Amino acid sequence: MDGIDAAIVTATGAEDARNQGPPVTPDYVERVATWMETERGYDRRDLPAFHRLAEFLAWRRRGRATKGLVLAGPNGNGKTLWLRMFAFCRMVSCADIARRWVDAGGPDTMAWLSPPTGYDVIPEQYYPLVLDELGDEPRVNSYGTKTECMGEVLAERYELFVRHGMRAATYISTNLSAQDIQTRYGNRVYSRLCEMCNRVEFTAPDSRTGEA
């Protein structure tokens, strides 16, 4: 594991320390991009998205990243594969969250997704979270009415982000457009999502079908 690899897969320290890293130069971004290709096998076929992700990882490596990510675009262009770059933290599908919400209820599901309580020291990896395929989950029944459980999850992630900054960053993949997210989960959730995550659009064709 090289230095860049270790920095990417290890959760870092407090927010004030994260914002005091060395500057991010174009040469350093290119070093990270080369690492992404040679060590992790990612390619540059969707060049704008690839470059933005290289920039993000460079900023994270330098301790200057201030938001999580929303990786958005059609099926089959590697969003979930890209999310696995953040191997230091837990990854959960939104469909699984909805199923648990139905089986165990909202409070139990929210506790399951949140960092544990009652400990003097909570390991860093309990704070960040990867949410795969936002929008694929069904609406669920809650006390006899249909609810968007992921809207509640995103609102709770925002509260953690406000308290802990990048320690509680959220990384999301979705096929939904920005307008779709706003329509489905509401203006309040959409506004908070914009505050805590940068959006990267994937435009490459579906690798499975070759269709855009």
N, C-alpha and C. Protein backbone atom coordinates (compact mmCIF):
# COMPACT_ATOMS: atom_id res chain seq x y z
N MET A 1 0.85 -1.20 0.00
CA MET A 1 0.00 0.00 0.00
C MET A 1 0.88 1.25 0.00
N ASP A 2 0.74 2.09 -1.03
CA ASP A 2 1.59 3.27 -1.10
C ASP A 2 1.00 4.41 -0.27
N GLY A 3 1.71 5.55 -0.25
CA GLY A 3 1.29 6.65 0.60
C GLY A 3 -0.08 7.20 0.24
N ILE A 4 -0.35 7.34 -1.06
CA ILE A 4 -1.66 7.85 -1.48
C ILE A 4 -2.75 6.86 -1.11
N ASP A 5 -2.49 5.57 -1.35
CA ASP A 5 -3.47 4.54 -1.02
C ASP A 5 -3.83 4.60 0.46
N ALA A 6 -2.81 4.65 1.32
CA ALA A 6 -3.06 4.66 2.76
C ALA A 6 -3.86 5.88 3.17
N ALA A 7 -3.57 7.01 2.54
CA ALA A 7 -4.28 8.24 2.90
C ALA A 7 -5.74 8.17 2.50
N ILE A 8 -6.02 7.56 1.34
CA ILE A 8 -7.40 7.51 0.85
C ILE A 8 -8.24 6.54 1.67
N VAL A 9 -7.70 5.39 2.04
CA VAL A 9 -8.52 4.39 2.71
C VAL A 9 -8.52 4.52 4.22
N THR A 10 -7.85 5.54 4.77
CA THR A 10 -7.83 5.74 6.21
C THR A 10 -8.57 7.01 6.56
N ALA A 11 -9.54 6.93 7.45
CA ALA A 11 -10.25 8.13 7.89
C ALA A 11 -9.29 9.03 8.64
N THR A 12 -9.43 10.34 8.44
CA THR A 12 -8.49 11.28 9.00
C THR A 12 -9.03 11.93 10.26
N GLY A 13 -8.30 12.89 10.78
CA GLY A 13 -8.59 13.48 12.07
C GLY A 13 -9.64 14.55 12.06
N ALA A 14 -9.57 15.45 13.03
CA ALA A 14 -10.61 16.45 13.26
C ALA A 14 -10.68 17.44 12.11
N GLU A 15 -11.86 18.10 11.98
CA GLU A 15 -12.10 19.00 10.86
C GLU A 15 -11.11 20.15 10.82
N ASP A 16 -10.73 20.69 11.96
CA ASP A 16 -9.81 21.82 11.94
C ASP A 16 -8.46 21.42 11.38
N ALA A 17 -8.03 20.18 11.66
CA ALA A 17 -6.77 19.71 11.09
C ALA A 17 -6.90 19.46 9.60
N ARG A 18 -8.07 19.00 9.16
CA ARG A 18 -8.27 18.67 7.75
C ARG A 18 -8.16 19.89 6.86
N ASN A 19 -8.51 21.04 7.37
CA ASN A 19 -8.53 22.24 6.55
C ASN A 19 -7.19 22.99 6.56
N GLN A 20 -6.14 22.37 7.09
CA GLN A 20 -4.85 23.04 7.17
C GLN A 20 -3.76 22.28 6.42
N GLY A 21 -4.17 21.45 5.46
CA GLY A 21 -3.20 20.67 4.71
C GLY A 21 -2.47 21.51 3.69
N PRO A 22 -1.44 20.94 3.06
CA PRO A 22 -0.68 21.65 2.03
C PRO A 22 -1.54 21.90 0.79
N PRO A 23 -1.14 22.83 -0.07
CA PRO A 23 -1.95 23.16 -1.25
C PRO A 23 -2.04 21.99 -2.22
N VAL A 24 -3.11 22.01 -3.01
CA VAL A 24 -3.33 20.99 -4.03
C VAL A 24 -2.93 21.58 -5.38
N THR A 25 -1.90 21.03 -5.99
CA THR A 25 -1.40 21.53 -7.26
C THR A 25 -1.87 20.64 -8.41
N PRO A 26 -1.88 21.15 -9.65
CA PRO A 26 -2.23 20.29 -10.80
C PRO A 26 -1.34 19.06 -10.91
N ASP A 27 -0.06 19.20 -10.59
CA ASP A 27 0.83 18.05 -10.64
C ASP A 27 0.41 16.98 -9.65
N TYR A 28 -0.03 17.41 -8.47
CA TYR A 28 -0.45 16.44 -7.46
C TYR A 28 -1.75 15.75 -7.88
N VAL A 29 -2.66 16.51 -8.47
CA VAL A 29 -3.90 15.91 -8.97
C VAL A 29 -3.58 14.84 -10.02
N GLU A 30 -2.62 15.13 -10.89
CA GLU A 30 -2.25 14.16 -11.92
C GLU A 30 -1.62 12.92 -11.30
N ARG A 31 -0.86 13.08 -10.22
CA ARG A 31 -0.30 11.92 -9.52
C ARG A 31 -1.41 11.03 -8.99
N VAL A 32 -2.43 11.64 -8.40
CA VAL A 32 -3.57 10.87 -7.89
C VAL A 32 -4.31 10.19 -9.05
N ALA A 33 -4.50 10.91 -10.17
CA ALA A 33 -5.18 10.33 -11.33
C ALA A 33 -4.41 9.12 -11.86
N THR A 34 -3.09 9.22 -11.91
CA THR A 34 -2.27 8.11 -12.38
C THR A 34 -2.39 6.92 -11.44
N TRP A 35 -2.40 7.20 -10.13
CA TRP A 35 -2.61 6.13 -9.15
C TRP A 35 -3.95 5.45 -9.35
N MET A 36 -4.99 6.24 -9.62
CA MET A 36 -6.32 5.68 -9.84
C MET A 36 -6.33 4.72 -11.03
N GLU A 37 -5.57 5.05 -12.07
CA GLU A 37 -5.51 4.20 -13.26
C GLU A 37 -4.65 2.97 -13.04
N THR A 38 -3.44 3.17 -12.54
CA THR A 38 -2.47 2.08 -12.49
C THR A 38 -2.67 1.14 -11.31
N GLU A 39 -3.09 1.68 -10.17
CA GLU A 39 -3.22 0.86 -8.98
C GLU A 39 -4.64 0.37 -8.73
N ARG A 40 -5.63 1.08 -9.24
CA ARG A 40 -7.02 0.71 -8.98
C ARG A 40 -7.79 0.32 -10.26
N GLY A 41 -7.20 0.53 -11.42
CA GLY A 41 -7.81 0.07 -12.66
C GLY A 41 -8.94 0.92 -13.19
N TYR A 42 -9.12 2.14 -12.66
CA TYR A 42 -10.14 3.03 -13.21
C TYR A 42 -9.62 3.65 -14.50
N ASP A 43 -10.54 3.90 -15.43
CA ASP A 43 -10.11 4.48 -16.70
C ASP A 43 -10.70 5.87 -16.88
N ARG A 44 -10.22 6.54 -17.92
CA ARG A 44 -10.59 7.94 -18.13
C ARG A 44 -11.63 8.09 -19.25
N ARG A 45 -12.42 7.05 -19.49
CA ARG A 45 -13.37 7.14 -20.61
C ARG A 45 -14.40 8.23 -20.37
N ASP A 46 -14.75 8.48 -19.11
CA ASP A 46 -15.63 9.62 -18.79
C ASP A 46 -14.74 10.69 -18.19
N LEU A 47 -14.01 11.38 -19.06
CA LEU A 47 -12.91 12.23 -18.62
C LEU A 47 -13.32 13.32 -17.63
N PRO A 48 -14.41 14.07 -17.85
CA PRO A 48 -14.74 15.11 -16.87
C PRO A 48 -14.99 14.55 -15.46
N ALA A 49 -15.74 13.44 -15.37
CA ALA A 49 -16.01 12.85 -14.06
C ALA A 49 -14.72 12.30 -13.45
N PHE A 50 -13.90 11.63 -14.26
CA PHE A 50 -12.64 11.09 -13.76
C PHE A 50 -11.78 12.20 -13.17
N HIS A 51 -11.67 13.33 -13.88
CA HIS A 51 -10.83 14.42 -13.40
C HIS A 51 -11.38 15.03 -12.11
N ARG A 52 -12.70 15.17 -12.02
CA ARG A 52 -13.29 15.73 -10.81
C ARG A 52 -13.06 14.81 -9.61
N LEU A 53 -13.15 13.49 -9.83
CA LEU A 53 -12.89 12.55 -8.73
C LEU A 53 -11.41 12.55 -8.34
N ALA A 54 -10.53 12.68 -9.32
CA ALA A 54 -9.10 12.80 -9.00
C ALA A 54 -8.85 14.05 -8.18
N GLU A 55 -9.49 15.16 -8.55
CA GLU A 55 -9.36 16.38 -7.78
C GLU A 55 -9.86 16.18 -6.35
N PHE A 56 -11.03 15.54 -6.21
CA PHE A 56 -11.58 15.33 -4.87
C PHE A 56 -10.63 14.50 -4.01
N LEU A 57 -10.11 13.40 -4.58
CA LEU A 57 -9.21 12.54 -3.80
C LEU A 57 -7.92 13.28 -3.45
N ALA A 58 -7.47 14.14 -4.35
CA ALA A 58 -6.28 14.94 -4.05
C ALA A 58 -6.56 15.91 -2.89
N TRP A 59 -7.72 16.56 -2.94
CA TRP A 59 -8.08 17.48 -1.86
C TRP A 59 -8.25 16.71 -0.55
N ARG A 60 -8.81 15.52 -0.61
CA ARG A 60 -8.96 14.72 0.61
C ARG A 60 -7.60 14.30 1.14
N ARG A 61 -6.71 13.90 0.24
CA ARG A 61 -5.35 13.50 0.65
C ARG A 61 -4.63 14.65 1.35
N ARG A 62 -4.86 15.87 0.87
CA ARG A 62 -4.21 17.03 1.45
C ARG A 62 -4.96 17.58 2.66
N GLY A 63 -6.04 16.94 3.06
CA GLY A 63 -6.77 17.40 4.23
C GLY A 63 -7.59 18.65 3.99
N ARG A 64 -7.97 18.90 2.74
CA ARG A 64 -8.69 20.13 2.41
C ARG A 64 -10.11 19.88 1.91
N ALA A 65 -10.54 18.64 1.78
CA ALA A 65 -11.91 18.37 1.36
C ALA A 65 -12.88 18.80 2.44
N THR A 66 -13.99 19.39 2.04
CA THR A 66 -14.97 19.91 3.01
C THR A 66 -16.36 19.32 2.81
N LYS A 67 -16.57 18.51 1.77
CA LYS A 67 -17.88 17.91 1.51
C LYS A 67 -17.70 16.47 1.06
N GLY A 68 -18.81 15.72 1.13
CA GLY A 68 -18.86 14.40 0.54
C GLY A 68 -19.16 14.50 -0.95
N LEU A 69 -19.70 13.42 -1.52
CA LEU A 69 -19.93 13.36 -2.96
C LEU A 69 -21.28 12.74 -3.29
N VAL A 70 -21.91 13.24 -4.34
CA VAL A 70 -23.01 12.57 -5.01
C VAL A 70 -22.53 12.22 -6.41
N LEU A 71 -22.47 10.93 -6.72
CA LEU A 71 -22.09 10.47 -8.06
C LEU A 71 -23.38 10.16 -8.81
N ALA A 72 -23.67 10.93 -9.84
CA ALA A 72 -24.96 10.86 -10.51
C ALA A 72 -24.80 10.53 -11.98
N GLY A 73 -25.75 9.77 -12.52
CA GLY A 73 -25.72 9.45 -13.94
C GLY A 73 -26.49 8.19 -14.23
N PRO A 74 -26.60 7.82 -15.50
CA PRO A 74 -27.38 6.65 -15.88
C PRO A 74 -26.73 5.34 -15.43
N ASN A 75 -27.45 4.25 -15.64
CA ASN A 75 -26.96 2.93 -15.24
C ASN A 75 -25.70 2.54 -16.00
N GLY A 76 -24.89 1.70 -15.35
CA GLY A 76 -23.81 1.02 -16.05
C GLY A 76 -22.56 1.82 -16.32
N ASN A 77 -22.38 2.97 -15.67
CA ASN A 77 -21.15 3.72 -15.93
C ASN A 77 -20.21 3.76 -14.73
N GLY A 78 -20.39 2.84 -13.79
CA GLY A 78 -19.37 2.63 -12.77
C GLY A 78 -19.50 3.43 -11.50
N LYS A 79 -20.66 4.00 -11.22
CA LYS A 79 -20.79 4.82 -10.01
C LYS A 79 -20.54 4.01 -8.75
N THR A 80 -21.13 2.81 -8.69
CA THR A 80 -20.93 1.98 -7.50
C THR A 80 -19.47 1.55 -7.38
N LEU A 81 -18.85 1.22 -8.51
CA LEU A 81 -17.43 0.86 -8.49
C LEU A 81 -16.59 2.01 -7.95
N TRP A 82 -16.91 3.24 -8.38
CA TRP A 82 -16.18 4.39 -7.88
C TRP A 82 -16.37 4.56 -6.38
N LEU A 83 -17.59 4.30 -5.90
CA LEU A 83 -17.84 4.46 -4.47
C LEU A 83 -16.98 3.51 -3.64
N ARG A 84 -16.60 2.39 -4.23
CA ARG A 84 -15.77 1.44 -3.47
C ARG A 84 -14.36 1.98 -3.24
N MET A 85 -14.05 3.11 -3.87
CA MET A 85 -12.79 3.80 -3.57
C MET A 85 -12.75 4.20 -2.09
N PHE A 86 -13.93 4.45 -1.52
CA PHE A 86 -13.99 4.88 -0.13
C PHE A 86 -14.14 3.67 0.78
N ALA A 87 -13.15 2.80 0.70
CA ALA A 87 -13.23 1.51 1.37
C ALA A 87 -13.09 1.61 2.88
N PHE A 88 -12.74 2.80 3.38
CA PHE A 88 -12.55 2.94 4.82
C PHE A 88 -13.86 3.02 5.57
N CYS A 89 -14.99 3.19 4.87
CA CYS A 89 -16.24 3.38 5.59
C CYS A 89 -17.32 2.42 5.11
N ARG A 90 -18.38 2.37 5.84
CA ARG A 90 -19.48 1.44 5.61
C ARG A 90 -20.25 1.81 4.34
N MET A 91 -20.66 0.78 3.60
CA MET A 91 -21.43 0.98 2.37
C MET A 91 -22.74 0.22 2.48
N VAL A 92 -23.86 0.92 2.27
CA VAL A 92 -25.19 0.34 2.42
C VAL A 92 -26.02 0.73 1.21
N SER A 93 -26.80 -0.21 0.66
CA SER A 93 -27.69 0.13 -0.44
C SER A 93 -28.97 0.76 0.12
N CYS A 94 -29.51 1.72 -0.60
CA CYS A 94 -30.73 2.39 -0.14
C CYS A 94 -31.91 1.43 -0.14
N ALA A 95 -31.91 0.46 -1.04
CA ALA A 95 -32.97 -0.56 -1.04
C ALA A 95 -32.92 -1.39 0.24
N ASP A 96 -31.72 -1.72 0.71
CA ASP A 96 -31.59 -2.47 1.97
C ASP A 96 -32.08 -1.64 3.15
N ILE A 97 -31.83 -0.35 3.12
CA ILE A 97 -32.32 0.52 4.18
C ILE A 97 -33.84 0.51 4.21
N ALA A 98 -34.47 0.59 3.04
CA ALA A 98 -35.93 0.56 2.98
C ALA A 98 -36.48 -0.76 3.51
N ARG A 99 -35.83 -1.88 3.15
CA ARG A 99 -36.29 -3.19 3.64
C ARG A 99 -36.18 -3.27 5.16
N ARG A 100 -35.09 -2.76 5.70
CA ARG A 100 -34.94 -2.80 7.15
C ARG A 100 -35.98 -1.89 7.82
N TRP A 101 -36.26 -0.76 7.18
CA TRP A 101 -37.26 0.18 7.71
C TRP A 101 -38.61 -0.53 7.86
N VAL A 102 -38.97 -1.33 6.85
CA VAL A 102 -40.23 -2.07 6.89
C VAL A 102 -40.20 -3.14 7.98
N ASP A 103 -39.08 -3.86 8.08
CA ASP A 103 -38.99 -4.99 9.00
C ASP A 103 -38.82 -4.57 10.46
N ALA A 104 -38.01 -3.52 10.69
CA ALA A 104 -37.64 -3.17 12.06
C ALA A 104 -38.16 -1.81 12.51
N GLY A 105 -38.63 -1.01 11.57
CA GLY A 105 -39.13 0.32 11.93
C GLY A 105 -38.08 1.40 11.74
N GLY A 106 -38.56 2.65 11.66
CA GLY A 106 -37.68 3.78 11.42
C GLY A 106 -36.64 4.01 12.52
N PRO A 107 -37.05 4.06 13.81
CA PRO A 107 -36.06 4.33 14.86
C PRO A 107 -34.93 3.31 14.90
N ASP A 108 -35.26 2.02 14.75
CA ASP A 108 -34.22 0.99 14.77
C ASP A 108 -33.28 1.16 13.58
N THR A 109 -33.85 1.48 12.42
CA THR A 109 -33.03 1.65 11.22
C THR A 109 -32.11 2.85 11.36
N MET A 110 -32.60 3.95 11.90
CA MET A 110 -31.77 5.13 12.08
C MET A 110 -30.64 4.85 13.07
N ALA A 111 -30.94 4.10 14.12
CA ALA A 111 -29.90 3.74 15.09
C ALA A 111 -28.86 2.83 14.45
N TRP A 112 -29.32 1.92 13.58
CA TRP A 112 -28.42 1.00 12.88
C TRP A 112 -27.45 1.76 11.97
N LEU A 113 -27.89 2.87 11.39
CA LEU A 113 -27.06 3.65 10.48
C LEU A 113 -26.17 4.66 11.19
N SER A 114 -26.47 4.97 12.43
CA SER A 114 -25.77 6.04 13.15
C SER A 114 -24.55 5.50 13.88
N PRO A 115 -23.58 6.36 14.20
CA PRO A 115 -22.46 5.93 15.03
C PRO A 115 -22.96 5.44 16.38
N PRO A 116 -22.30 4.46 16.99
CA PRO A 116 -22.75 3.96 18.28
C PRO A 116 -22.62 5.03 19.37
N THR A 117 -23.39 4.89 20.41
CA THR A 117 -23.35 5.83 21.52
C THR A 117 -22.92 5.10 22.80
N GLY A 118 -22.57 5.88 23.80
CA GLY A 118 -22.22 5.29 25.09
C GLY A 118 -20.77 4.91 25.23
N TYR A 119 -19.92 5.33 24.27
CA TYR A 119 -18.49 5.01 24.34
C TYR A 119 -17.69 6.30 24.48
N ASP A 120 -16.56 6.21 25.19
CA ASP A 120 -15.70 7.39 25.33
C ASP A 120 -15.05 7.75 24.00
N VAL A 121 -14.67 6.75 23.23
CA VAL A 121 -14.02 6.98 21.94
C VAL A 121 -14.75 6.15 20.89
N ILE A 122 -15.17 6.81 19.81
CA ILE A 122 -15.84 6.14 18.71
C ILE A 122 -14.89 6.10 17.52
N PRO A 123 -14.57 4.93 16.97
CA PRO A 123 -13.65 4.86 15.83
C PRO A 123 -14.12 5.71 14.66
N GLU A 124 -13.17 6.31 13.96
CA GLU A 124 -13.48 7.23 12.87
C GLU A 124 -14.34 6.59 11.79
N GLN A 125 -14.16 5.29 11.53
CA GLN A 125 -14.87 4.68 10.42
C GLN A 125 -16.37 4.56 10.66
N TYR A 126 -16.83 4.84 11.89
CA TYR A 126 -18.27 4.77 12.15
C TYR A 126 -19.00 6.04 11.70
N TYR A 127 -18.30 7.10 11.38
CA TYR A 127 -18.96 8.36 11.04
C TYR A 127 -19.31 8.49 9.56
N PRO A 128 -18.37 8.30 8.63
CA PRO A 128 -18.72 8.43 7.21
C PRO A 128 -19.61 7.28 6.77
N LEU A 129 -20.35 7.48 5.67
CA LEU A 129 -21.27 6.45 5.19
C LEU A 129 -21.41 6.56 3.68
N VAL A 130 -21.43 5.41 3.00
CA VAL A 130 -21.69 5.33 1.57
C VAL A 130 -23.11 4.82 1.37
N LEU A 131 -23.91 5.57 0.62
CA LEU A 131 -25.30 5.20 0.31
C LEU A 131 -25.38 4.90 -1.19
N ASP A 132 -25.60 3.65 -1.52
CA ASP A 132 -25.59 3.22 -2.92
C ASP A 132 -27.00 3.21 -3.50
N GLU A 133 -27.14 3.78 -4.71
CA GLU A 133 -28.38 3.75 -5.49
C GLU A 133 -29.53 4.49 -4.80
N LEU A 134 -29.28 5.73 -4.45
CA LEU A 134 -30.36 6.58 -3.94
C LEU A 134 -31.44 6.72 -5.00
N GLY A 135 -32.68 6.48 -4.62
CA GLY A 135 -33.80 6.55 -5.56
C GLY A 135 -34.31 5.20 -5.99
N ASP A 136 -33.52 4.13 -5.80
CA ASP A 136 -33.98 2.79 -6.15
C ASP A 136 -34.90 2.21 -5.08
N GLU A 137 -34.86 2.79 -3.89
CA GLU A 137 -35.66 2.26 -2.78
C GLU A 137 -37.14 2.63 -2.96
N PRO A 138 -38.04 1.76 -2.54
CA PRO A 138 -39.46 2.11 -2.60
C PRO A 138 -39.85 3.02 -1.44
N ARG A 139 -40.95 3.69 -1.60
CA ARG A 139 -41.55 4.38 -0.45
C ARG A 139 -42.05 3.32 0.51
N VAL A 140 -41.96 3.59 1.81
CA VAL A 140 -42.32 2.58 2.81
C VAL A 140 -43.48 3.06 3.66
N ASN A 141 -44.18 2.11 4.25
CA ASN A 141 -45.28 2.43 5.15
C ASN A 141 -44.74 2.82 6.52
N SER A 142 -45.22 3.92 7.05
CA SER A 142 -44.85 4.37 8.39
C SER A 142 -46.12 4.85 9.08
N TYR A 143 -46.57 4.04 10.05
CA TYR A 143 -47.80 4.37 10.78
C TYR A 143 -48.98 4.60 9.83
N GLY A 144 -49.07 3.73 8.82
CA GLY A 144 -50.20 3.77 7.92
C GLY A 144 -50.08 4.71 6.75
N THR A 145 -49.00 5.45 6.65
CA THR A 145 -48.81 6.36 5.52
C THR A 145 -47.49 6.04 4.83
N LYS A 146 -47.43 6.36 3.54
CA LYS A 146 -46.20 6.16 2.78
C LYS A 146 -45.20 7.27 3.11
N THR A 147 -43.95 6.89 3.28
CA THR A 147 -42.92 7.87 3.59
C THR A 147 -41.66 7.60 2.78
N GLU A 148 -40.89 8.65 2.55
CA GLU A 148 -39.59 8.52 1.89
C GLU A 148 -38.53 8.34 2.97
N CYS A 149 -38.20 7.09 3.26
CA CYS A 149 -37.28 6.84 4.36
C CYS A 149 -35.91 7.46 4.11
N MET A 150 -35.47 7.51 2.84
CA MET A 150 -34.15 8.06 2.58
C MET A 150 -34.11 9.57 2.80
N GLY A 151 -35.25 10.24 2.68
CA GLY A 151 -35.29 11.65 3.04
C GLY A 151 -34.94 11.84 4.50
N GLU A 152 -35.46 10.96 5.37
CA GLU A 152 -35.15 11.04 6.79
C GLU A 152 -33.69 10.67 7.06
N VAL A 153 -33.19 9.68 6.34
CA VAL A 153 -31.77 9.29 6.50
C VAL A 153 -30.86 10.46 6.09
N LEU A 154 -31.16 11.10 4.98
CA LEU A 154 -30.33 12.22 4.52
C LEU A 154 -30.39 13.39 5.50
N ALA A 155 -31.55 13.64 6.08
CA ALA A 155 -31.66 14.71 7.07
C ALA A 155 -30.81 14.41 8.30
N GLU A 156 -30.78 13.13 8.71
CA GLU A 156 -29.95 12.75 9.85
C GLU A 156 -28.47 12.82 9.50
N ARG A 157 -28.11 12.45 8.27
CA ARG A 157 -26.71 12.58 7.85
C ARG A 157 -26.27 14.03 7.86
N TYR A 158 -27.18 14.92 7.51
CA TYR A 158 -26.86 16.34 7.53
C TYR A 158 -26.55 16.80 8.96
N GLU A 159 -27.34 16.36 9.92
CA GLU A 159 -27.10 16.75 11.31
C GLU A 159 -25.74 16.26 11.78
N LEU A 160 -25.36 15.04 11.39
CA LEU A 160 -24.03 14.54 11.73
C LEU A 160 -22.93 15.36 11.06
N PHE A 161 -23.17 15.74 9.82
CA PHE A 161 -22.20 16.55 9.08
C PHE A 161 -22.01 17.92 9.74
N VAL A 162 -23.09 18.52 10.19
CA VAL A 162 -22.99 19.82 10.87
C VAL A 162 -22.16 19.69 12.15
N ARG A 163 -22.33 18.59 12.87
CA ARG A 163 -21.61 18.41 14.13
C ARG A 163 -20.16 17.99 13.93
N HIS A 164 -19.91 17.16 12.92
CA HIS A 164 -18.59 16.53 12.80
C HIS A 164 -17.83 16.87 11.53
N GLY A 165 -18.43 17.61 10.60
CA GLY A 165 -17.74 17.96 9.37
C GLY A 165 -17.39 16.74 8.55
N MET A 166 -16.22 16.75 7.93
CA MET A 166 -15.83 15.67 7.03
C MET A 166 -15.66 14.33 7.73
N ARG A 167 -15.54 14.32 9.03
CA ARG A 167 -15.52 13.04 9.74
C ARG A 167 -16.80 12.26 9.45
N ALA A 168 -17.90 12.97 9.22
CA ALA A 168 -19.20 12.34 8.95
C ALA A 168 -19.63 12.58 7.50
N ALA A 169 -18.70 12.56 6.59
CA ALA A 169 -19.03 12.77 5.18
C ALA A 169 -19.93 11.65 4.66
N THR A 170 -20.78 11.99 3.69
CA THR A 170 -21.67 11.02 3.05
C THR A 170 -21.33 10.95 1.57
N TYR A 171 -21.26 9.73 1.05
CA TYR A 171 -20.96 9.48 -0.36
C TYR A 171 -22.13 8.71 -0.96
N ILE A 172 -22.65 9.18 -2.10
CA ILE A 172 -23.91 8.67 -2.63
C ILE A 172 -23.78 8.39 -4.12
N SER A 173 -24.38 7.30 -4.57
CA SER A 173 -24.58 7.09 -6.01
C SER A 173 -26.07 7.16 -6.30
N THR A 174 -26.43 7.67 -7.47
CA THR A 174 -27.84 7.80 -7.83
C THR A 174 -28.02 7.93 -9.33
N ASN A 175 -29.16 7.47 -9.81
CA ASN A 175 -29.57 7.71 -11.19
C ASN A 175 -30.46 8.95 -11.31
N LEU A 176 -30.79 9.57 -10.18
CA LEU A 176 -31.71 10.70 -10.17
C LEU A 176 -31.01 12.00 -10.57
N SER A 177 -31.71 12.81 -11.33
CA SER A 177 -31.22 14.16 -11.60
C SER A 177 -31.38 15.02 -10.35
N ALA A 178 -30.78 16.19 -10.37
CA ALA A 178 -30.95 17.12 -9.24
C ALA A 178 -32.42 17.46 -9.04
N GLN A 179 -33.12 17.69 -10.15
CA GLN A 179 -34.55 18.00 -10.06
C GLN A 179 -35.34 16.83 -9.51
N ASP A 180 -34.98 15.61 -9.90
CA ASP A 180 -35.66 14.42 -9.39
C ASP A 180 -35.49 14.31 -7.87
N ILE A 181 -34.28 14.57 -7.38
CA ILE A 181 -34.03 14.50 -5.94
C ILE A 181 -34.88 15.54 -5.21
N GLN A 182 -34.90 16.75 -5.76
CA GLN A 182 -35.68 17.82 -5.13
C GLN A 182 -37.17 17.47 -5.10
N THR A 183 -37.67 16.92 -6.20
CA THR A 183 -39.09 16.56 -6.27
C THR A 183 -39.43 15.42 -5.32
N ARG A 184 -38.59 14.41 -5.28
CA ARG A 184 -38.91 13.22 -4.49
C ARG A 184 -38.74 13.43 -2.99
N TYR A 185 -37.65 14.09 -2.59
CA TYR A 185 -37.35 14.19 -1.15
C TYR A 185 -37.65 15.56 -0.56
N GLY A 186 -37.97 16.54 -1.40
CA GLY A 186 -38.35 17.85 -0.90
C GLY A 186 -37.23 18.86 -0.94
N ASN A 187 -37.61 20.13 -0.92
CA ASN A 187 -36.63 21.22 -1.01
C ASN A 187 -35.67 21.25 0.16
N ARG A 188 -36.18 20.96 1.35
CA ARG A 188 -35.34 21.04 2.55
C ARG A 188 -34.21 20.01 2.50
N VAL A 189 -34.56 18.77 2.16
CA VAL A 189 -33.54 17.72 2.07
C VAL A 189 -32.57 18.02 0.93
N TYR A 190 -33.09 18.47 -0.20
CA TYR A 190 -32.23 18.78 -1.34
C TYR A 190 -31.23 19.88 -0.99
N SER A 191 -31.70 20.92 -0.31
CA SER A 191 -30.82 22.02 0.09
C SER A 191 -29.70 21.52 1.00
N ARG A 192 -30.05 20.67 1.94
CA ARG A 192 -29.04 20.14 2.87
C ARG A 192 -28.07 19.21 2.16
N LEU A 193 -28.58 18.45 1.20
CA LEU A 193 -27.70 17.57 0.43
C LEU A 193 -26.68 18.39 -0.36
N CYS A 194 -27.12 19.51 -0.92
CA CYS A 194 -26.20 20.39 -1.65
C CYS A 194 -25.14 20.96 -0.73
N GLU A 195 -25.50 21.21 0.52
CA GLU A 195 -24.54 21.77 1.48
C GLU A 195 -23.49 20.76 1.90
N MET A 196 -23.87 19.48 1.97
CA MET A 196 -22.92 18.51 2.51
C MET A 196 -22.23 17.66 1.44
N CYS A 197 -22.65 17.78 0.17
CA CYS A 197 -22.05 16.97 -0.89
C CYS A 197 -21.83 17.77 -2.17
N ASN A 198 -20.73 17.50 -2.86
CA ASN A 198 -20.52 17.96 -4.22
C ASN A 198 -21.10 16.93 -5.18
N ARG A 199 -21.64 17.38 -6.30
CA ARG A 199 -22.25 16.48 -7.28
C ARG A 199 -21.31 16.31 -8.47
N VAL A 200 -21.08 15.07 -8.85
CA VAL A 200 -20.27 14.74 -10.03
C VAL A 200 -21.16 13.98 -10.99
N GLU A 201 -21.29 14.50 -12.21
CA GLU A 201 -22.15 13.88 -13.23
C GLU A 201 -21.34 12.92 -14.09
N PHE A 202 -21.86 11.70 -14.26
CA PHE A 202 -21.28 10.72 -15.15
C PHE A 202 -22.07 10.72 -16.46
N THR A 203 -21.38 10.83 -17.58
CA THR A 203 -22.05 10.88 -18.87
C THR A 203 -21.62 9.78 -19.82
N ALA A 204 -20.73 8.90 -19.38
CA ALA A 204 -20.26 7.81 -20.24
C ALA A 204 -21.42 6.86 -20.56
N PRO A 205 -21.37 6.17 -21.71
CA PRO A 205 -22.42 5.20 -22.04
C PRO A 205 -22.40 4.01 -21.10
N ASP A 206 -23.51 3.31 -21.04
CA ASP A 206 -23.65 2.11 -20.23
C ASP A 206 -22.61 1.08 -20.68
N SER A 207 -21.73 0.68 -19.77
CA SER A 207 -20.66 -0.26 -20.12
C SER A 207 -21.22 -1.64 -20.45
N ARG A 208 -22.47 -1.92 -20.01
CA ARG A 208 -23.05 -3.22 -20.26
C ARG A 208 -23.70 -3.29 -21.64
N THR A 209 -24.29 -2.17 -22.08
CA THR A 209 -25.02 -2.18 -23.36
C THR A 209 -24.38 -1.33 -24.43
N GLY A 210 -23.48 -0.41 -24.01
CA GLY A 210 -22.87 0.50 -24.96
C GLY A 210 -23.75 1.69 -25.30
N GLU A 211 -24.92 1.78 -24.64
CA GLU A 211 -25.85 2.87 -24.93
C GLU A 211 -25.72 3.98 -23.92
N ALA A 212 -25.88 5.25 -24.38
CA ALA A 212 -25.80 6.40 -23.49
C ALA A 212 -27.06 6.50 -22.65
